[in-house]
Amino acid sequence: MYDYTDKQRNVKDFIKLMYNKTLSMFEYKNLPESLPAVELERMLQTNGYLVVTKYKGEPTAFNAGLSGEDKDVYGRPTLAVISNPLYSATVKLDKDAVLIKSDDNKHGLQWLFEKYGAIINETDISIVVANYNKRMQTLISASDDNTVESANAYLKEVQDGKLGVIADSKLFNSLQTSPTTTNASNNTSDLVELQQYLKATLFNEIGLNANYNMKRERLTDDEVQANTDNLRPFADNMLENRQDGIEKVNAMFGTNISVDFGSIWKVKADDFINATDNSDDSGKDSTADITGMVRDIYDYITKPDSDEREDNASQKDDVNDEPDKKGDEDDEPK
């Protein structure tokens, strides 16, 4: 049963839920059986990096500690220390093993999910408490233990969704109530908006467009485009690091692995590319069309064909004169 006060468990469940979504963020092709895609992403997203080396003749991914930074002029690791229940070794990077990073700083997504999971959980608690408070329009105060105990029993009944009753009438002498000073309805609305804002911000961080309109108005095209631009850098950085690592794996172990965005991230990436291409093409076509229209209108106004207009005018006059001539002929004596 869900317990909104069990913060540690709720945050863990939230992180698991997010990983269920992000583990399909990238799609691998031609992976050998020794490199399961889910395990690769799990290591990269939780630890920030992994090391691929040969184990029983097959390329295998391991979590490892990195060392040997003092041997590189840029402070990059040159050694990987693998400590696995089935395999332990120290291997040289770019010689015996390949380092694949989740992002440039090997940060991963664990810290991001922990941060927003903790804040969102606090918001959930506040929403639950605000929901309980909407059932009570007054605050209760008591001056002795018996009254406190009876008041707590009453509040427990209300929290359970039941009609609470204080059994002993003598307790009313020491029990006092006062109206709440906050607007419970507005408070709940603010909490719901905060929760939506936090979730939208988290999804934006991992490249999913979940606009949250703080203005409570319609967003302009520029505002929507600005939000779309914010989605690209981190997701693209994650893809580039995976592609660089996979290229090194292919070169070292003779594999033919490829990686690209998967699931909804693939759809968003394709839509972004198509929208950019169409925008460039439509801009050129519309400019040409407008230029041509302006030129035609200008030529029509400044360089009219006077002969053609005079002919049209004379034809109209002839048409208008025909009935009159016919009438004149009828009036002439035979």
Protein backbone atom coordinates (compact mmCIF):
# COMPACT_ATOMS: atom_id res chain seq x y z
CA MET A 1 0.00 0.00 0.00
CA TYR A 2 1.27 3.47 -0.89
CA ASP A 3 2.61 5.40 2.08
CA TYR A 4 3.17 9.03 1.22
CA THR A 5 5.39 9.49 4.30
CA ASP A 6 7.89 6.78 3.22
CA LYS A 7 10.13 9.20 1.34
CA GLN A 8 13.04 6.83 0.71
CA ARG A 9 10.90 4.13 -0.87
CA ASN A 10 8.88 6.62 -2.91
CA VAL A 11 11.98 8.24 -4.36
CA LYS A 12 13.41 4.83 -5.28
CA ASP A 13 10.15 3.89 -7.00
CA PHE A 14 10.19 7.21 -8.87
CA ILE A 15 13.75 6.57 -10.09
CA LYS A 16 12.82 3.07 -11.26
CA LEU A 17 9.85 4.52 -13.15
CA MET A 18 12.10 7.04 -14.90
CA TYR A 19 14.59 4.35 -15.87
CA ASN A 20 11.76 2.32 -17.36
CA LYS A 21 11.30 5.24 -19.74
CA THR A 22 14.89 6.25 -20.44
CA LEU A 23 16.33 2.76 -20.95
CA SER A 24 14.67 2.87 -24.38
CA MET A 25 16.16 6.28 -25.18
CA PHE A 26 18.78 4.76 -27.50
CA GLU A 27 18.48 1.90 -29.96
CA TYR A 28 21.42 -0.39 -30.75
CA LYS A 29 21.77 -2.59 -33.81
CA ASN A 30 24.01 -5.63 -34.45
CA LEU A 31 24.89 -6.07 -30.79
CA PRO A 32 26.50 -9.41 -29.90
CA GLU A 33 24.79 -11.51 -27.22
CA SER A 34 27.52 -10.59 -24.77
CA LEU A 35 26.41 -6.92 -24.91
CA PRO A 36 22.69 -6.68 -24.04
CA ALA A 37 21.30 -3.24 -24.91
CA VAL A 38 19.36 -2.86 -21.64
CA GLU A 39 22.45 -3.63 -19.55
CA LEU A 40 24.56 -1.21 -21.57
CA GLU A 41 22.10 1.61 -20.98
CA ARG A 42 21.59 0.69 -17.35
CA MET A 43 25.35 0.99 -16.70
CA LEU A 44 25.70 4.20 -18.70
CA GLN A 45 22.71 5.97 -17.17
CA THR A 46 23.33 4.93 -13.56
CA ASN A 47 27.14 5.06 -13.43
CA GLY A 48 27.83 7.58 -16.21
CA TYR A 49 30.22 5.30 -18.15
CA LEU A 50 31.23 1.68 -18.74
CA VAL A 51 34.23 -0.28 -19.98
CA VAL A 52 34.09 -2.87 -22.76
CA THR A 53 36.79 -5.53 -22.77
CA LYS A 54 37.10 -9.17 -23.71
CA TYR A 55 35.71 -11.75 -21.31
CA LYS A 56 35.83 -15.41 -22.40
CA GLY A 57 36.69 -14.24 -25.88
CA GLU A 58 33.65 -11.96 -26.25
CA PRO A 59 33.36 -8.18 -25.82
CA THR A 60 31.64 -7.58 -22.49
CA ALA A 61 30.62 -4.43 -20.61
CA PHE A 62 31.70 -3.84 -17.01
CA ASN A 63 31.40 -1.18 -14.37
CA ALA A 64 34.94 -0.16 -13.43
CA GLY A 65 37.00 2.36 -11.54
CA LEU A 66 39.17 4.69 -13.59
CA SER A 67 42.77 5.61 -12.84
CA GLY A 68 46.02 6.63 -14.52
CA GLU A 69 44.97 10.27 -15.00
CA ASP A 70 48.51 11.37 -14.11
CA LYS A 71 49.79 9.72 -17.28
CA ASP A 72 47.69 11.88 -19.62
CA VAL A 73 48.42 15.54 -20.25
CA TYR A 74 44.70 16.35 -20.05
CA GLY A 75 44.09 14.28 -16.93
CA ARG A 76 42.08 11.64 -18.75
CA PRO A 77 42.08 8.09 -17.36
CA THR A 78 44.33 5.53 -18.99
CA LEU A 79 43.49 2.50 -16.85
CA ALA A 80 40.27 0.76 -15.83
CA VAL A 81 40.06 -1.37 -12.68
CA ILE A 82 37.35 -4.02 -13.08
CA SER A 83 36.04 -5.68 -9.94
CA ASN A 84 33.28 -8.11 -10.78
CA PRO A 85 32.35 -11.30 -8.89
CA LEU A 86 33.20 -13.25 -12.04
CA TYR A 87 36.07 -11.17 -13.40
CA SER A 88 38.67 -8.85 -11.92
CA ALA A 89 41.43 -7.13 -13.85
CA THR A 90 43.21 -3.87 -14.59
CA VAL A 91 43.12 -3.10 -18.31
CA LYS A 92 44.59 -0.34 -20.46
CA LEU A 93 42.08 1.91 -22.16
CA ASP A 94 42.26 2.19 -25.94
CA LYS A 95 44.50 -0.89 -25.98
CA ASP A 96 42.73 -3.69 -24.13
CA ALA A 97 39.43 -1.95 -23.40
CA VAL A 98 37.16 0.86 -24.58
CA LEU A 99 35.67 3.53 -22.36
CA ILE A 100 32.11 4.51 -23.34
CA LYS A 101 30.78 7.64 -21.64
CA SER A 102 27.15 8.55 -21.15
CA ASP A 103 28.03 12.23 -21.54
CA ASP A 104 31.14 14.38 -21.65
CA ASN A 105 31.45 14.55 -17.85
CA LYS A 106 30.42 10.91 -17.22
CA HIS A 107 27.52 12.15 -15.10
CA GLY A 108 24.70 9.86 -16.16
CA LEU A 109 21.08 10.34 -15.13
CA GLN A 110 21.02 8.97 -11.57
CA TRP A 111 21.73 12.32 -9.94
CA LEU A 112 19.02 13.99 -12.04
CA PHE A 113 16.37 11.46 -11.05
CA GLU A 114 17.38 11.61 -7.40
CA LYS A 115 17.14 15.42 -7.36
CA TYR A 116 13.73 15.71 -8.99
CA GLY A 117 12.45 12.56 -7.31
CA ALA A 118 13.10 14.07 -3.86
CA ILE A 119 11.49 17.42 -4.73
CA ILE A 120 8.48 15.87 -6.47
CA ASN A 121 7.97 13.52 -3.52
CA GLU A 122 7.84 16.50 -1.15
CA THR A 123 5.25 18.09 -3.43
CA ASP A 124 3.23 14.88 -3.40
CA ILE A 125 3.22 14.91 0.39
CA SER A 126 2.06 18.52 0.42
CA ILE A 127 -0.76 17.68 -2.00
CA VAL A 128 -1.90 14.77 0.16
CA VAL A 129 -1.84 16.92 3.32
CA ALA A 130 -3.68 19.74 1.53
CA ASN A 131 -6.25 17.20 0.42
CA TYR A 132 -6.76 16.13 4.03
CA ASN A 133 -7.00 19.74 5.15
CA LYS A 134 -9.82 20.38 2.70
CA ARG A 135 -11.92 18.01 4.83
CA MET A 136 -11.38 20.17 7.88
CA GLN A 137 -12.33 23.83 7.97
CA THR A 138 -10.95 24.46 11.47
CA LEU A 139 -7.78 23.88 13.49
CA ILE A 140 -8.02 22.02 16.79
CA SER A 141 -6.19 22.89 20.01
CA ALA A 142 -6.34 21.07 23.34
CA SER A 143 -5.10 21.81 26.86
CA ASP A 144 -4.72 18.28 28.33
CA ASP A 145 -3.61 14.83 27.28
CA ASN A 146 -7.05 13.28 27.22
CA THR A 147 -8.33 15.96 24.89
CA VAL A 148 -5.28 15.60 22.66
CA GLU A 149 -5.79 11.85 22.44
CA SER A 150 -9.45 12.25 21.56
CA ALA A 151 -8.67 14.94 18.99
CA ASN A 152 -6.02 12.70 17.37
CA ALA A 153 -8.54 9.88 17.15
CA TYR A 154 -10.96 12.27 15.49
CA LEU A 155 -8.34 13.43 12.97
CA LYS A 156 -7.41 9.81 12.23
CA GLU A 157 -11.01 9.07 11.36
CA VAL A 158 -11.11 12.09 9.04
CA GLN A 159 -7.83 11.04 7.40
CA ASP A 160 -9.24 7.57 6.78
CA GLY A 161 -12.19 9.14 5.03
CA LYS A 162 -14.67 8.46 7.83
CA LEU A 163 -16.87 10.76 9.85
CA GLY A 164 -14.95 11.48 13.05
CA VAL A 165 -16.74 11.70 16.41
CA ILE A 166 -15.49 12.88 19.82
CA ALA A 167 -17.17 10.53 22.28
CA ASP A 168 -16.74 12.30 25.63
CA SER A 169 -18.71 15.54 25.89
CA LYS A 170 -16.56 16.66 28.86
CA LEU A 171 -13.64 17.10 26.49
CA PHE A 172 -15.37 20.01 24.81
CA ASN A 173 -14.60 22.12 27.85
CA SER A 174 -10.85 21.99 27.07
CA LEU A 175 -11.08 21.63 23.28
CA GLN A 176 -10.96 24.74 21.12
CA THR A 177 -11.15 25.28 17.41
CA SER A 178 -10.22 28.17 15.16
CA PRO A 179 -10.86 28.69 11.42
CA THR A 180 -8.01 28.14 8.98
CA THR A 181 -6.54 31.28 7.48
CA THR A 182 -5.37 29.78 4.17
CA ASN A 183 -7.44 29.11 1.10
CA ALA A 184 -7.21 25.35 0.68
CA SER A 185 -8.44 25.44 -2.92
CA ASN A 186 -5.82 27.93 -4.08
CA ASN A 187 -3.13 26.14 -2.10
CA THR A 188 -3.90 22.84 -3.82
CA SER A 189 -3.89 24.48 -7.25
CA ASP A 190 -0.48 26.03 -6.58
CA LEU A 191 0.89 22.64 -5.51
CA VAL A 192 -0.46 20.92 -8.62
CA GLU A 193 1.13 23.62 -10.81
CA LEU A 194 4.43 23.19 -8.99
CA GLN A 195 4.31 19.43 -9.48
CA GLN A 196 3.59 19.82 -13.20
CA TYR A 197 6.40 22.36 -13.52
CA LEU A 198 8.91 20.02 -11.85
CA LYS A 199 7.94 17.06 -14.02
CA ALA A 200 8.02 19.17 -17.19
CA THR A 201 11.47 20.48 -16.29
CA LEU A 202 12.74 16.95 -15.68
CA PHE A 203 11.40 15.69 -19.02
CA ASN A 204 12.91 18.71 -20.77
CA GLU A 205 16.29 17.81 -19.27
CA ILE A 206 16.21 14.38 -20.93
CA GLY A 207 15.03 15.73 -24.28
CA LEU A 208 11.25 15.38 -24.09
CA ASN A 209 9.04 18.36 -24.80
CA ALA A 210 6.71 18.84 -21.84
CA ASN A 211 5.88 22.53 -21.97
CA TYR A 212 4.58 24.09 -18.80
CA ASN A 213 2.90 27.44 -19.31
CA MET A 214 3.57 29.62 -16.25
CA LYS A 215 1.89 32.55 -18.05
CA ARG A 216 -1.47 30.74 -18.14
CA GLU A 217 -1.77 32.09 -21.67
CA ARG A 218 -1.15 30.78 -25.15
CA LEU A 219 2.51 30.46 -26.03
CA THR A 220 3.93 32.23 -29.07
CA ASP A 221 5.81 30.35 -31.78
CA ASP A 222 9.09 31.88 -30.61
CA GLU A 223 8.49 30.66 -27.05
CA VAL A 224 7.69 27.14 -28.23
CA GLN A 225 10.78 27.13 -30.48
CA ALA A 226 12.95 28.37 -27.60
CA ASN A 227 11.79 25.45 -25.48
CA THR A 228 12.49 23.02 -28.34
CA ASP A 229 16.03 24.37 -28.62
CA ASN A 230 16.58 23.66 -24.92
CA LEU A 231 15.80 19.97 -25.45
CA ARG A 232 18.60 19.26 -27.90
CA PRO A 233 22.03 19.82 -26.28
CA PHE A 234 22.05 17.20 -23.50
CA ALA A 235 20.32 14.46 -25.53
CA ASP A 236 22.60 15.10 -28.51
CA ASN A 237 25.64 15.01 -26.23
CA MET A 238 24.57 11.62 -24.88
CA LEU A 239 24.13 10.26 -28.40
CA GLU A 240 27.50 11.58 -29.61
CA ASN A 241 29.37 9.96 -26.70
CA ARG A 242 27.69 6.63 -27.35
CA GLN A 243 28.46 6.79 -31.05
CA ASP A 244 32.10 7.64 -30.38
CA GLY A 245 32.41 4.75 -27.93
CA ILE A 246 30.70 2.28 -30.26
CA GLU A 247 33.03 3.25 -33.11
CA LYS A 248 36.02 2.39 -30.91
CA VAL A 249 34.39 -0.92 -29.94
CA ASN A 250 33.89 -1.78 -33.61
CA ALA A 251 37.50 -0.92 -34.41
CA MET A 252 38.92 -2.91 -31.47
CA PHE A 253 36.71 -6.00 -31.54
CA GLY A 254 35.67 -6.19 -35.20
CA THR A 255 31.97 -5.71 -34.53
CA ASN A 256 29.45 -3.75 -36.63
CA ILE A 257 27.37 -2.09 -33.92
CA SER A 258 25.43 1.14 -34.48
CA VAL A 259 23.42 3.33 -32.13
CA ASP A 260 20.83 6.05 -32.62
CA PHE A 261 17.91 7.57 -30.79
CA GLY A 262 15.07 5.18 -30.04
CA SER A 263 11.39 5.30 -29.07
CA ILE A 264 9.88 8.79 -28.85
CA TRP A 265 13.33 10.38 -28.90
CA LYS A 266 13.79 9.07 -32.45
CA VAL A 267 10.44 10.52 -33.51
CA LYS A 268 11.30 13.90 -31.97
CA ALA A 269 14.73 13.95 -33.61
CA ASP A 270 13.29 13.14 -37.05
CA ASP A 271 10.53 15.74 -36.64
CA PHE A 272 13.11 18.34 -35.66
CA ILE A 273 15.26 17.60 -38.72
CA ASN A 274 12.27 17.57 -41.08
CA ALA A 275 10.89 20.78 -39.61
CA THR A 276 14.24 22.48 -40.05
CA ASP A 277 14.57 21.34 -43.67
CA ASN A 278 10.99 22.30 -44.53
CA SER A 279 11.41 25.66 -42.87
CA ASP A 280 14.45 26.44 -45.02
CA ASP A 281 12.76 25.27 -48.23
CA SER A 282 9.44 26.99 -47.54
CA GLY A 283 11.25 30.20 -46.71
CA LYS A 284 12.97 30.22 -50.09
CA ASP A 285 9.79 29.33 -52.03
CA SER A 286 7.64 31.87 -50.22
CA THR A 287 10.21 34.59 -50.84
CA ALA A 288 10.28 33.79 -54.55
CA ASP A 289 6.48 33.72 -54.76
CA ILE A 290 6.11 37.05 -53.00
CA THR A 291 8.80 38.64 -55.18
CA GLY A 292 7.04 37.45 -58.32
CA MET A 293 3.66 38.72 -57.15
CA VAL A 294 5.07 42.14 -56.32
CA ARG A 295 6.77 42.34 -59.73
CA ASP A 296 3.53 41.46 -61.56
CA ILE A 297 1.53 44.04 -59.63
CA TYR A 298 4.18 46.69 -60.21
CA ASP A 299 4.29 45.98 -63.94
CA TYR A 300 0.52 46.07 -64.17
CA ILE A 301 0.29 49.45 -62.44
CA THR A 302 3.28 51.22 -64.00
CA LYS A 303 3.18 49.70 -67.51
CA PRO A 304 -0.43 49.21 -68.56
CA ASP A 305 -1.27 48.07 -72.10
CA SER A 306 -3.21 51.15 -73.27
CA ASP A 307 -4.25 49.67 -76.62
CA GLU A 308 -5.75 46.61 -74.98
CA ARG A 309 -7.61 48.73 -72.46
CA GLU A 310 -8.98 51.01 -75.21
CA ASP A 311 -10.19 47.98 -77.19
CA ASN A 312 -11.93 46.59 -74.11
CA ALA A 313 -13.52 49.96 -73.44
CA SER A 314 -14.77 50.31 -77.05
CA GLN A 315 -16.23 46.80 -76.97
CA LYS A 316 -18.16 47.66 -73.82
CA ASP A 317 -19.47 50.86 -75.49
CA ASP A 318 -20.58 48.90 -78.56
CA VAL A 319 -22.47 46.44 -76.40
CA ASN A 320 -24.17 49.26 -74.51
CA ASP A 321 -25.10 51.08 -77.76
CA GLU A 322 -26.71 48.09 -79.50
CA PRO A 323 -30.06 48.22 -77.65
CA ASP A 324 -30.37 51.95 -78.37
CA LYS A 325 -29.74 51.49 -82.09
CA LYS A 326 -32.30 48.73 -82.25
CA GLY A 327 -34.80 50.91 -80.57
CA ASP A 328 -34.12 53.77 -83.00
CA GLU A 329 -34.66 51.50 -85.97
CA ASP A 330 -38.04 50.41 -84.63
CA ASP A 331 -39.14 54.05 -84.26
CA GLU A 332 -38.38 54.94 -87.92
CA PRO A 333 -41.44 55.01 -90.26
CA LYS A 334 -41.59 52.29 -92.83
